[in-house]
């Protein structure tokens, strides 16, 4: 089994299994990760449970598995460690752009 980055021309939802993981944050084992597999309805799981489901699918698959991971890269967190809104300015004399998070 080889693990490698995919190529743009390989993006085809009709080929293999597609897993999309939206990583959430929780310090008290809450279900904060969104997990969608192919056309199934998405689930909200703990990171541990999501990891277990993904691992099982990969180990038992005889076809390619594409894993898309979404994670906050803004590095904007509250004092409690949760994602938080922030304001950023891009370029000179530009209006600020606000980023808001639901959690």
PDB file of N, CA and C in Angstrom:
ATOM      1  N   UNK A   1       0.855  -1.166   0.000  1.00  0.00           N
ATOM      2  CA  UNK A   1       0.000   0.000   0.000  1.00  0.00           C
ATOM      3  C   UNK A   1       0.902   1.231   0.000  1.00  0.00           C
ATOM      4  N   UNK A   2       0.698   2.105  -0.980  1.00  0.00           N
ATOM      5  CA  UNK A   2       1.490   3.331  -1.081  1.00  0.00           C
ATOM      6  C   UNK A   2       0.655   4.523  -0.657  1.00  0.00           C
ATOM      7  N   UNK A   3       1.269   5.409   0.085  1.00  0.00           N
ATOM      8  CA  UNK A   3       0.623   6.660   0.468  1.00  0.00           C
ATOM      9  C   UNK A   3       1.343   7.769  -0.285  1.00  0.00           C
ATOM     10  N   UNK A   4       0.591   8.574  -1.001  1.00  0.00           N
ATOM     11  CA  UNK A   4       1.187   9.662  -1.755  1.00  0.00           C
ATOM     12  C   UNK A   4       0.171  10.770  -1.937  1.00  0.00           C
ATOM     13  N   UNK A   5       0.664  11.949  -2.267  1.00  0.00           N
ATOM     14  CA  UNK A   5      -0.220  13.069  -2.570  1.00  0.00           C
ATOM     15  C   UNK A   5      -0.875  12.827  -3.923  1.00  0.00           C
ATOM     16  N   UNK A   6      -2.128  13.198  -4.044  1.00  0.00           N
ATOM     17  CA  UNK A   6      -2.841  13.045  -5.302  1.00  0.00           C
ATOM     18  C   UNK A   6      -2.465  14.140  -6.285  1.00  0.00           C
ATOM     19  N   UNK A   7      -2.830  13.916  -7.515  1.00  0.00           N
ATOM     20  CA  UNK A   7      -2.593  14.876  -8.581  1.00  0.00           C
ATOM     21  C   UNK A   7      -3.919  15.488  -9.012  1.00  0.00           C
ATOM     22  N   UNK A   8      -3.881  16.703  -9.511  1.00  0.00           N
ATOM     23  CA  UNK A   8      -5.105  17.401  -9.907  1.00  0.00           C
ATOM     24  C   UNK A   8      -5.909  16.578 -10.911  1.00  0.00           C
ATOM     25  N   UNK A   9      -5.250  15.970 -11.888  1.00  0.00           N
ATOM     26  CA  UNK A   9      -5.992  15.217 -12.894  1.00  0.00           C
ATOM     27  C   UNK A   9      -6.558  13.897 -12.356  1.00  0.00           C
ATOM     28  N   UNK A  10      -6.274  13.550 -11.110  1.00  0.00           N
ATOM     29  CA  UNK A  10      -6.825  12.350 -10.485  1.00  0.00           C
ATOM     30  C   UNK A  10      -8.101  12.630  -9.695  1.00  0.00           C
ATOM     31  N   UNK A  11      -8.510  13.883  -9.624  1.00  0.00           N
ATOM     32  CA  UNK A  11      -9.711  14.222  -8.865  1.00  0.00           C
ATOM     33  C   UNK A  11     -10.930  13.761  -9.656  1.00  0.00           C
ATOM     34  N   UNK A  12     -11.504  12.670  -9.219  1.00  0.00           N
ATOM     35  CA  UNK A  12     -12.661  12.076  -9.874  1.00  0.00           C
ATOM     36  C   UNK A  12     -13.464  11.342  -8.802  1.00  0.00           C
ATOM     37  N   UNK A  13     -14.602  11.913  -8.447  1.00  0.00           N
ATOM     38  CA  UNK A  13     -15.408  11.332  -7.372  1.00  0.00           C
ATOM     39  C   UNK A  13     -15.970   9.961  -7.716  1.00  0.00           C
ATOM     40  N   UNK A  14     -15.921   9.589  -8.990  1.00  0.00           N
ATOM     41  CA  UNK A  14     -16.436   8.285  -9.397  1.00  0.00           C
ATOM     42  C   UNK A  14     -15.403   7.174  -9.216  1.00  0.00           C
ATOM     43  N   UNK A  15     -14.157   7.544  -8.896  1.00  0.00           N
ATOM     44  CA  UNK A  15     -13.102   6.540  -8.754  1.00  0.00           C
ATOM     45  C   UNK A  15     -12.711   6.379  -7.291  1.00  0.00           C
ATOM     46  N   UNK A  16     -12.706   5.147  -6.821  1.00  0.00           N
ATOM     47  CA  UNK A  16     -12.262   4.857  -5.466  1.00  0.00           C
ATOM     48  C   UNK A  16     -13.216   5.375  -4.405  1.00  0.00           C
ATOM     49  N   UNK A  17     -12.742   5.338  -3.187  1.00  0.00           N
ATOM     50  CA  UNK A  17     -13.497   5.828  -2.030  1.00  0.00           C
ATOM     51  C   UNK A  17     -12.998   7.221  -1.681  1.00  0.00           C
ATOM     52  N   UNK A  18     -13.924   8.121  -1.409  1.00  0.00           N
ATOM     53  CA  UNK A  18     -13.573   9.479  -1.012  1.00  0.00           C
ATOM     54  C   UNK A  18     -13.990   9.702   0.437  1.00  0.00           C
ATOM     55  N   UNK A  19     -13.032  10.173   1.233  1.00  0.00           N
ATOM     56  CA  UNK A  19     -13.266  10.485   2.638  1.00  0.00           C
ATOM     57  C   UNK A  19     -12.910  11.957   2.835  1.00  0.00           C
ATOM     58  N   UNK A  20     -13.826  12.706   3.430  1.00  0.00           N
ATOM     59  CA  UNK A  20     -13.571  14.116   3.737  1.00  0.00           C
ATOM     60  C   UNK A  20     -13.698  14.279   5.244  1.00  0.00           C
ATOM     61  N   UNK A  21     -12.622  14.764   5.863  1.00  0.00           N
ATOM     62  CA  UNK A  21     -12.571  14.952   7.318  1.00  0.00           C
ATOM     63  C   UNK A  21     -12.412  16.429   7.630  1.00  0.00           C
ATOM     64  N   UNK A  22     -13.339  16.955   8.406  1.00  0.00           N
ATOM     65  CA  UNK A  22     -13.254  18.329   8.904  1.00  0.00           C
ATOM     66  C   UNK A  22     -12.864  18.214  10.374  1.00  0.00           C
ATOM     67  N   UNK A  23     -11.620  18.530  10.664  1.00  0.00           N
ATOM     68  CA  UNK A  23     -11.106  18.349  12.026  1.00  0.00           C
ATOM     69  C   UNK A  23     -11.659  19.432  12.946  1.00  0.00           C
ATOM     70  N   UNK A  24     -12.232  19.003  14.053  1.00  0.00           N
ATOM     71  CA  UNK A  24     -12.759  19.920  15.049  1.00  0.00           C
ATOM     72  C   UNK A  24     -11.895  19.906  16.292  1.00  0.00           C
ATOM     73  N   UNK A  25     -12.186  20.807  17.195  1.00  0.00           N
ATOM     74  CA  UNK A  25     -11.425  20.933  18.437  1.00  0.00           C
ATOM     75  C   UNK A  25     -12.337  20.701  19.622  1.00  0.00           C
ATOM     76  N   UNK A  26     -11.876  19.924  20.579  1.00  0.00           N
ATOM     77  CA  UNK A  26     -12.617  19.730  21.822  1.00  0.00           C
ATOM     78  C   UNK A  26     -11.666  19.195  22.870  1.00  0.00           C
ATOM     79  N   UNK A  27     -11.740  19.739  24.057  1.00  0.00           N
ATOM     80  CA  UNK A  27     -10.902  19.266  25.137  1.00  0.00           C
ATOM     81  C   UNK A  27     -11.603  18.249  26.012  1.00  0.00           C
ATOM     82  N   UNK A  28     -12.880  18.023  25.781  1.00  0.00           N
ATOM     83  CA  UNK A  28     -13.639  17.133  26.654  1.00  0.00           C
ATOM     84  C   UNK A  28     -14.310  15.994  25.884  1.00  0.00           C
ATOM     85  N   UNK A  29     -13.637  15.524  24.840  1.00  0.00           N
ATOM     86  CA  UNK A  29     -14.071  14.357  24.065  1.00  0.00           C
ATOM     87  C   UNK A  29     -15.431  14.530  23.412  1.00  0.00           C
ATOM     88  N   UNK A  30     -15.773  15.759  23.035  1.00  0.00           N
ATOM     89  CA  UNK A  30     -17.006  15.994  22.297  1.00  0.00           C
ATOM     90  C   UNK A  30     -16.811  15.589  20.839  1.00  0.00           C
ATOM     91  N   UNK A  31     -17.913  15.286  20.186  1.00  0.00           N
ATOM     92  CA  UNK A  31     -17.877  14.963  18.759  1.00  0.00           C
ATOM     93  C   UNK A  31     -17.818  16.268  17.971  1.00  0.00           C
ATOM     94  N   UNK A  32     -16.632  16.640  17.512  1.00  0.00           N
ATOM     95  CA  UNK A  32     -16.472  17.906  16.803  1.00  0.00           C
ATOM     96  C   UNK A  32     -15.852  17.744  15.422  1.00  0.00           C
ATOM     97  N   UNK A  33     -15.629  16.524  14.984  1.00  0.00           N
ATOM     98  CA  UNK A  33     -15.084  16.282  13.650  1.00  0.00           C
ATOM     99  C   UNK A  33     -16.216  15.876  12.719  1.00  0.00           C
ATOM    100  N   UNK A  34     -16.245  16.484  11.540  1.00  0.00           N
ATOM    101  CA  UNK A  34     -17.204  16.075  10.523  1.00  0.00           C
ATOM    102  C   UNK A  34     -16.545  15.054   9.611  1.00  0.00           C
ATOM    103  N   UNK A  35     -17.236  13.960   9.314  1.00  0.00           N
ATOM    104  CA  UNK A  35     -16.687  12.913   8.466  1.00  0.00           C
ATOM    105  C   UNK A  35     -17.719  12.551   7.406  1.00  0.00           C
ATOM    106  N   UNK A  36     -17.321  12.692   6.136  1.00  0.00           N
ATOM    107  CA  UNK A  36     -18.187  12.318   5.016  1.00  0.00           C
ATOM    108  C   UNK A  36     -17.461  11.264   4.191  1.00  0.00           C
ATOM    109  N   UNK A  37     -18.166  10.205   3.861  1.00  0.00           N
ATOM    110  CA  UNK A  37     -17.601   9.109   3.076  1.00  0.00           C
ATOM    111  C   UNK A  37     -18.487   8.899   1.857  1.00  0.00           C
ATOM    112  N   UNK A  38     -17.889   9.108   0.678  1.00  0.00           N
ATOM    113  CA  UNK A  38     -18.617   8.982  -0.591  1.00  0.00           C
ATOM    114  C   UNK A  38     -19.943   9.734  -0.520  1.00  0.00           C
ATOM    115  N   UNK A  39     -21.048   9.076  -0.862  1.00  0.00           N
ATOM    116  CA  UNK A  39     -22.355   9.746  -0.892  1.00  0.00           C
ATOM    117  C   UNK A  39     -23.154   9.567   0.391  1.00  0.00           C
ATOM    118  N   UNK A  40     -22.542   8.985   1.414  1.00  0.00           N
ATOM    119  CA  UNK A  40     -23.246   8.775   2.677  1.00  0.00           C
ATOM    120  C   UNK A  40     -23.433  10.113   3.391  1.00  0.00           C
ATOM    121  N   UNK A  41     -24.485  10.238   4.216  1.00  0.00           N
ATOM    122  CA  UNK A  41     -24.651  11.473   4.987  1.00  0.00           C
ATOM    123  C   UNK A  41     -23.455  11.669   5.929  1.00  0.00           C
ATOM    124  N   UNK A  42     -23.007  12.899   6.107  1.00  0.00           N
ATOM    125  CA  UNK A  42     -21.872  13.133   7.006  1.00  0.00           C
ATOM    126  C   UNK A  42     -22.231  12.833   8.456  1.00  0.00           C
ATOM    127  N   UNK A  43     -21.201  12.493   9.225  1.00  0.00           N
ATOM    128  CA  UNK A  43     -21.368  12.201  10.648  1.00  0.00           C
ATOM    129  C   UNK A  43     -20.529  13.177  11.452  1.00  0.00           C
ATOM    130  N   UNK A  44     -20.909  13.399  12.697  1.00  0.00           N
ATOM    131  CA  UNK A  44     -20.102  14.182  13.625  1.00  0.00           C
ATOM    132  C   UNK A  44     -19.527  13.205  14.647  1.00  0.00           C
ATOM    133  N   UNK A  45     -18.194  13.112  14.706  1.00  0.00           N
ATOM    134  CA  UNK A  45     -17.522  12.134  15.557  1.00  0.00           C
ATOM    135  C   UNK A  45     -16.410  12.798  16.361  1.00  0.00           C
ATOM    136  N   UNK A  46     -15.929  12.091  17.373  1.00  0.00           N
ATOM    137  CA  UNK A  46     -14.711  12.542  18.033  1.00  0.00           C
ATOM    138  C   UNK A  46     -13.544  12.282  17.074  1.00  0.00           C
ATOM    139  N   UNK A  47     -12.413  12.933  17.305  1.00  0.00           N
ATOM    140  CA  UNK A  47     -11.254  12.710  16.448  1.00  0.00           C
ATOM    141  C   UNK A  47     -10.817  11.252  16.499  1.00  0.00           C
ATOM    142  N   UNK A  48     -10.850  10.665  17.686  1.00  0.00           N
ATOM    143  CA  UNK A  48     -10.465   9.268  17.852  1.00  0.00           C
ATOM    144  C   UNK A  48     -11.366   8.339  17.042  1.00  0.00           C
ATOM    145  N   UNK A  49     -12.677   8.557  17.108  1.00  0.00           N
ATOM    146  CA  UNK A  49     -13.614   7.717  16.368  1.00  0.00           C
ATOM    147  C   UNK A  49     -13.457   7.915  14.857  1.00  0.00           C
ATOM    148  N   UNK A  50     -13.284   9.162  14.437  1.00  0.00           N
ATOM    149  CA  UNK A  50     -13.093   9.445  13.010  1.00  0.00           C
ATOM    150  C   UNK A  50     -11.818   8.766  12.506  1.00  0.00           C
ATOM    151  N   UNK A  51     -10.751   8.842  13.284  1.00  0.00           N
ATOM    152  CA  UNK A  51      -9.490   8.197  12.906  1.00  0.00           C
ATOM    153  C   UNK A  51      -9.667   6.695  12.765  1.00  0.00           C
ATOM    154  N   UNK A  52     -10.425   6.095  13.658  1.00  0.00           N
ATOM    155  CA  UNK A  52     -10.662   4.660  13.627  1.00  0.00           C
ATOM    156  C   UNK A  52     -11.449   4.257  12.377  1.00  0.00           C
ATOM    157  N   UNK A  53     -12.481   5.030  12.052  1.00  0.00           N
ATOM    158  CA  UNK A  53     -13.282   4.744  10.857  1.00  0.00           C
ATOM    159  C   UNK A  53     -12.417   4.852   9.606  1.00  0.00           C
ATOM    160  N   UNK A  54     -11.631   5.920   9.513  1.00  0.00           N
ATOM    161  CA  UNK A  54     -10.763   6.124   8.350  1.00  0.00           C
ATOM    162  C   UNK A  54      -9.749   4.991   8.226  1.00  0.00           C
ATOM    163  N   UNK A  55      -9.137   4.623   9.337  1.00  0.00           N
ATOM    164  CA  UNK A  55      -8.152   3.540   9.339  1.00  0.00           C
ATOM    165  C   UNK A  55      -8.771   2.229   8.854  1.00  0.00           C
ATOM    166  N   UNK A  56      -9.952   1.927   9.330  1.00  0.00           N
ATOM    167  CA  UNK A  56     -10.638   0.693   8.930  1.00  0.00           C
ATOM    168  C   UNK A  56     -10.931   0.687   7.432  1.00  0.00           C
ATOM    169  N   UNK A  57     -11.414   1.806   6.914  1.00  0.00           N
ATOM    170  CA  UNK A  57     -11.713   1.889   5.477  1.00  0.00           C
ATOM    171  C   UNK A  57     -10.451   1.680   4.653  1.00  0.00           C
ATOM    172  N   UNK A  58      -9.373   2.352   5.024  1.00  0.00           N
ATOM    173  CA  UNK A  58      -8.122   2.243   4.266  1.00  0.00           C
ATOM    174  C   UNK A  58      -7.585   0.820   4.303  1.00  0.00           C
ATOM    175  N   UNK A  59      -7.556   0.204   5.486  1.00  0.00           N
ATOM    176  CA  UNK A  59      -7.013  -1.149   5.612  1.00  0.00           C
ATOM    177  C   UNK A  59      -7.839  -2.206   4.876  1.00  0.00           C
ATOM    178  N   UNK A  60      -9.150  -1.971   4.737  1.00  0.00           N
ATOM    179  CA  UNK A  60     -10.021  -2.956   4.113  1.00  0.00           C
ATOM    180  C   UNK A  60     -10.344  -2.664   2.650  1.00  0.00           C
ATOM    181  N   UNK A  61      -9.807  -1.587   2.114  1.00  0.00           N
ATOM    182  CA  UNK A  61     -10.134  -1.211   0.741  1.00  0.00           C
ATOM    183  C   UNK A  61      -9.211  -1.888  -0.266  1.00  0.00           C
ATOM    184  N   UNK A  62      -9.805  -2.346  -1.368  1.00  0.00           N
ATOM    185  CA  UNK A  62      -9.001  -2.917  -2.450  1.00  0.00           C
ATOM    186  C   UNK A  62      -8.838  -1.906  -3.588  1.00  0.00           C
ATOM    187  N   UNK A  63      -9.406  -0.714  -3.410  1.00  0.00           N
ATOM    188  CA  UNK A  63      -9.294   0.344  -4.407  1.00  0.00           C
ATOM    189  C   UNK A  63      -8.653   1.575  -3.775  1.00  0.00           C
ATOM    190  N   UNK A  64      -8.423   2.582  -4.583  1.00  0.00           N
ATOM    191  CA  UNK A  64      -7.795   3.793  -4.044  1.00  0.00           C
ATOM    192  C   UNK A  64      -8.731   4.484  -3.053  1.00  0.00           C
ATOM    193  N   UNK A  65      -8.130   5.121  -2.064  1.00  0.00           N
ATOM    194  CA  UNK A  65      -8.866   5.899  -1.079  1.00  0.00           C
ATOM    195  C   UNK A  65      -8.293   7.310  -1.111  1.00  0.00           C
ATOM    196  N   UNK A  66      -9.158   8.289  -1.358  1.00  0.00           N
ATOM    197  CA  UNK A  66      -8.745   9.694  -1.366  1.00  0.00           C
ATOM    198  C   UNK A  66      -9.208  10.324  -0.067  1.00  0.00           C
ATOM    199  N   UNK A  67      -8.272  10.914   0.669  1.00  0.00           N
ATOM    200  CA  UNK A  67      -8.567  11.534   1.958  1.00  0.00           C
ATOM    201  C   UNK A  67      -8.321  13.029   1.854  1.00  0.00           C
ATOM    202  N   UNK A  68      -9.392  13.799   2.050  1.00  0.00           N
ATOM    203  CA  UNK A  68      -9.310  15.256   2.046  1.00  0.00           C
ATOM    204  C   UNK A  68      -9.477  15.703   3.491  1.00  0.00           C
ATOM    205  N   UNK A  69      -8.506  16.475   3.993  1.00  0.00           N
ATOM    206  CA  UNK A  69      -8.550  16.938   5.379  1.00  0.00           C
ATOM    207  C   UNK A  69      -8.686  18.446   5.390  1.00  0.00           C
ATOM    208  N   UNK A  70      -9.720  18.926   6.075  1.00  0.00           N
ATOM    209  CA  UNK A  70      -9.920  20.361   6.249  1.00  0.00           C
ATOM    210  C   UNK A  70      -9.581  20.684   7.694  1.00  0.00           C
ATOM    211  N   UNK A  71      -8.729  21.664   7.872  1.00  0.00           N
ATOM    212  CA  UNK A  71      -8.357  22.075   9.225  1.00  0.00           C
ATOM    213  C   UNK A  71      -8.114  23.576   9.231  1.00  0.00           C
ATOM    214  N   UNK A  72      -8.419  24.240  10.324  1.00  0.00           N
ATOM    215  CA  UNK A  72      -8.185  25.687  10.381  1.00  0.00           C
ATOM    216  C   UNK A  72      -6.692  25.992  10.315  1.00  0.00           C
ATOM    217  N   UNK A  73      -6.317  26.772   9.342  1.00  0.00           N
ATOM    218  CA  UNK A  73      -4.921  27.152   9.187  1.00  0.00           C
ATOM    219  C   UNK A  73      -4.699  28.618   9.514  1.00  0.00           C
ATOM    220  N   UNK A  74      -5.747  29.284   9.958  1.00  0.00           N
ATOM    221  CA  UNK A  74      -5.648  30.719  10.205  1.00  0.00           C
ATOM    222  C   UNK A  74      -4.854  31.044  11.460  1.00  0.00           C
ATOM    223  N   UNK A  75      -4.645  30.082  12.320  1.00  0.00           N
ATOM    224  CA  UNK A  75      -3.949  30.269  13.586  1.00  0.00           C
ATOM    225  C   UNK A  75      -4.620  31.376  14.406  1.00  0.00           C
ATOM    226  N   UNK A  76      -5.931  31.431  14.313  1.00  0.00           N
ATOM    227  CA  UNK A  76      -6.696  32.391  15.101  1.00  0.00           C
ATOM    228  C   UNK A  76      -7.503  31.602  16.128  1.00  0.00           C
ATOM    229  N   UNK A  77      -7.022  31.631  17.371  1.00  0.00           N
ATOM    230  CA  UNK A  77      -7.663  30.855  18.416  1.00  0.00           C
ATOM    231  C   UNK A  77      -7.960  31.734  19.626  1.00  0.00           C
ATOM    232  N   UNK A  78      -9.020  31.386  20.344  1.00  0.00           N
ATOM    233  CA  UNK A  78      -9.354  32.103  21.568  1.00  0.00           C
ATOM    234  C   UNK A  78      -8.412  31.661  22.688  1.00  0.00           C
ATOM    235  N   UNK A  79      -8.530  32.294  23.852  1.00  0.00           N
ATOM    236  CA  UNK A  79      -7.696  31.914  24.996  1.00  0.00           C
ATOM    237  C   UNK A  79      -7.976  30.479  25.444  1.00  0.00           C
ATOM    238  N   UNK A  80      -9.183  29.976  25.130  1.00  0.00           N
ATOM    239  CA  UNK A  80      -9.549  28.601  25.487  1.00  0.00           C
ATOM    240  C   UNK A  80      -9.039  27.591  24.458  1.00  0.00           C
ATOM    241  N   UNK A  81      -8.394  28.070  23.390  1.00  0.00           N
ATOM    242  CA  UNK A  81      -7.848  27.179  22.381  1.00  0.00           C
ATOM    243  C   UNK A  81      -8.797  26.837  21.251  1.00  0.00           C
ATOM    244  N   UNK A  82      -9.939  27.515  21.190  1.00  0.00           N
ATOM    245  CA  UNK A  82     -10.917  27.253  20.133  1.00  0.00           C
ATOM    246  C   UNK A  82     -10.715  28.211  18.964  1.00  0.00           C
ATOM    247  N   UNK A  83     -11.085  27.792  17.743  1.00  0.00           N
ATOM    248  CA  UNK A  83     -10.978  28.705  16.604  1.00  0.00           C
ATOM    249  C   UNK A  83     -11.778  29.973  16.875  1.00  0.00           C
ATOM    250  N   UNK A  84     -11.269  31.108  16.475  1.00  0.00           N
ATOM    251  CA  UNK A  84     -11.919  32.391  16.736  1.00  0.00           C
ATOM    252  C   UNK A  84     -11.855  33.269  15.500  1.00  0.00           C
ATOM    253  N   UNK A  85     -12.774  34.209  15.414  1.00  0.00           N
ATOM    254  CA  UNK A  85     -12.764  35.162  14.315  1.00  0.00           C
ATOM    255  C   UNK A  85     -11.534  36.048  14.396  1.00  0.00           C
ATOM    256  N   UNK A  86     -11.140  36.591  13.274  1.00  0.00           N
ATOM    257  CA  UNK A  86     -10.010  37.508  13.256  1.00  0.00           C
ATOM    258  C   UNK A  86     -10.211  38.489  12.124  1.00  0.00           C
ATOM    259  N   UNK A  87      -9.479  39.553  12.140  1.00  0.00           N
ATOM    260  CA  UNK A  87      -9.517  40.538  11.073  1.00  0.00           C
ATOM    261  C   UNK A  87      -8.136  40.613  10.456  1.00  0.00           C
ATOM    262  N   UNK A  88      -8.100  40.618   9.147  1.00  0.00           N
ATOM    263  CA  UNK A  88      -6.823  40.691   8.446  1.00  0.00           C
ATOM    264  C   UNK A  88      -6.941  41.681   7.299  1.00  0.00           C
ATOM    265  N   UNK A  89      -5.864  42.382   7.018  1.00  0.00           N
ATOM    266  CA  UNK A  89      -5.823  43.297   5.879  1.00  0.00           C
ATOM    267  C   UNK A  89      -4.845  42.744   4.863  1.00  0.00           C
ATOM    268  N   UNK A  90      -5.259  42.719   3.628  1.00  0.00           N
ATOM    269  CA  UNK A  90      -4.405  42.216   2.568  1.00  0.00           C
ATOM    270  C   UNK A  90      -4.061  43.366   1.632  1.00  0.00           C
ATOM    271  N   UNK A  91      -2.787  43.676   1.529  1.00  0.00           N
ATOM    272  CA  UNK A  91      -2.341  44.741   0.633  1.00  0.00           C
ATOM    273  C   UNK A  91      -2.504  46.119   1.240  1.00  0.00           C
ATOM    274  N   UNK A  92      -1.964  47.102   0.557  1.00  0.00           N
ATOM    275  CA  UNK A  92      -2.040  48.488   1.041  1.00  0.00           C
ATOM    276  C   UNK A  92      -3.408  49.084   0.767  1.00  0.00           C
ATOM    277  N   UNK A  93      -3.852  49.884   1.707  1.00  0.00           N
ATOM    278  CA  UNK A  93      -5.105  50.631   1.563  1.00  0.00           C
ATOM    279  C   UNK A  93      -6.304  49.738   1.260  1.00  0.00           C
ATOM    280  N   UNK A  94      -6.305  48.547   1.797  1.00  0.00           N
ATOM    281  CA  UNK A  94      -7.431  47.630   1.600  1.00  0.00           C
ATOM    282  C   UNK A  94      -8.288  47.616   2.857  1.00  0.00           C
ATOM    283  N   UNK A  95      -9.554  47.358   2.682  1.00  0.00           N
ATOM    284  CA  UNK A  95     -10.454  47.226   3.822  1.00  0.00           C
ATOM    285  C   UNK A  95     -10.169  45.917   4.543  1.00  0.00           C
ATOM    286  N   UNK A  96     -10.340  45.899   5.855  1.00  0.00           N
ATOM    287  CA  UNK A  96     -10.135  44.644   6.585  1.00  0.00           C
ATOM    288  C   UNK A  96     -11.166  43.601   6.178  1.00  0.00           C
ATOM    289  N   UNK A  97     -10.748  42.377   6.215  1.00  0.00           N
ATOM    290  CA  UNK A  97     -11.625  41.247   5.941  1.00  0.00           C
ATOM    291  C   UNK A  97     -11.771  40.487   7.247  1.00  0.00           C
ATOM    292  N   UNK A  98     -13.001  40.221   7.636  1.00  0.00           N
ATOM    293  CA  UNK A  98     -13.240  39.483   8.876  1.00  0.00           C
ATOM    294  C   UNK A  98     -13.533  38.026   8.585  1.00  0.00           C
ATOM    295  N   UNK A  99     -12.958  37.170   9.382  1.00  0.00           N
ATOM    296  CA  UNK A  99     -13.196  35.746   9.282  1.00  0.00           C
ATOM    297  C   UNK A  99     -13.936  35.338  10.538  1.00  0.00           C
ATOM    298  N   UNK A 100     -15.089  34.698  10.389  1.00  0.00           N
ATOM    299  CA  UNK A 100     -15.877  34.291  11.533  1.00  0.00           C
ATOM    300  C   UNK A 100     -16.018  32.780  11.551  1.00  0.00           C
ATOM    301  N   UNK A 101     -15.974  32.205  12.725  1.00  0.00           N
ATOM    302  CA  UNK A 101     -16.130  30.768  12.908  1.00  0.00           C
ATOM    303  C   UNK A 101     -17.353  30.509  13.748  1.00  0.00           C
ATOM    304  N   UNK A 102     -18.016  29.392  13.509  1.00  0.00           N
ATOM    305  CA  UNK A 102     -19.233  29.065  14.232  1.00  0.00           C
ATOM    306  C   UNK A 102     -18.978  28.589  15.649  1.00  0.00           C
ATOM    307  N   UNK A 103     -17.763  28.138  15.936  1.00  0.00           N
ATOM    308  CA  UNK A 103     -17.495  27.576  17.257  1.00  0.00           C
ATOM    309  C   UNK A 103     -16.677  28.500  18.078  1.00  0.00           C
TER     310      UNK A 103
END
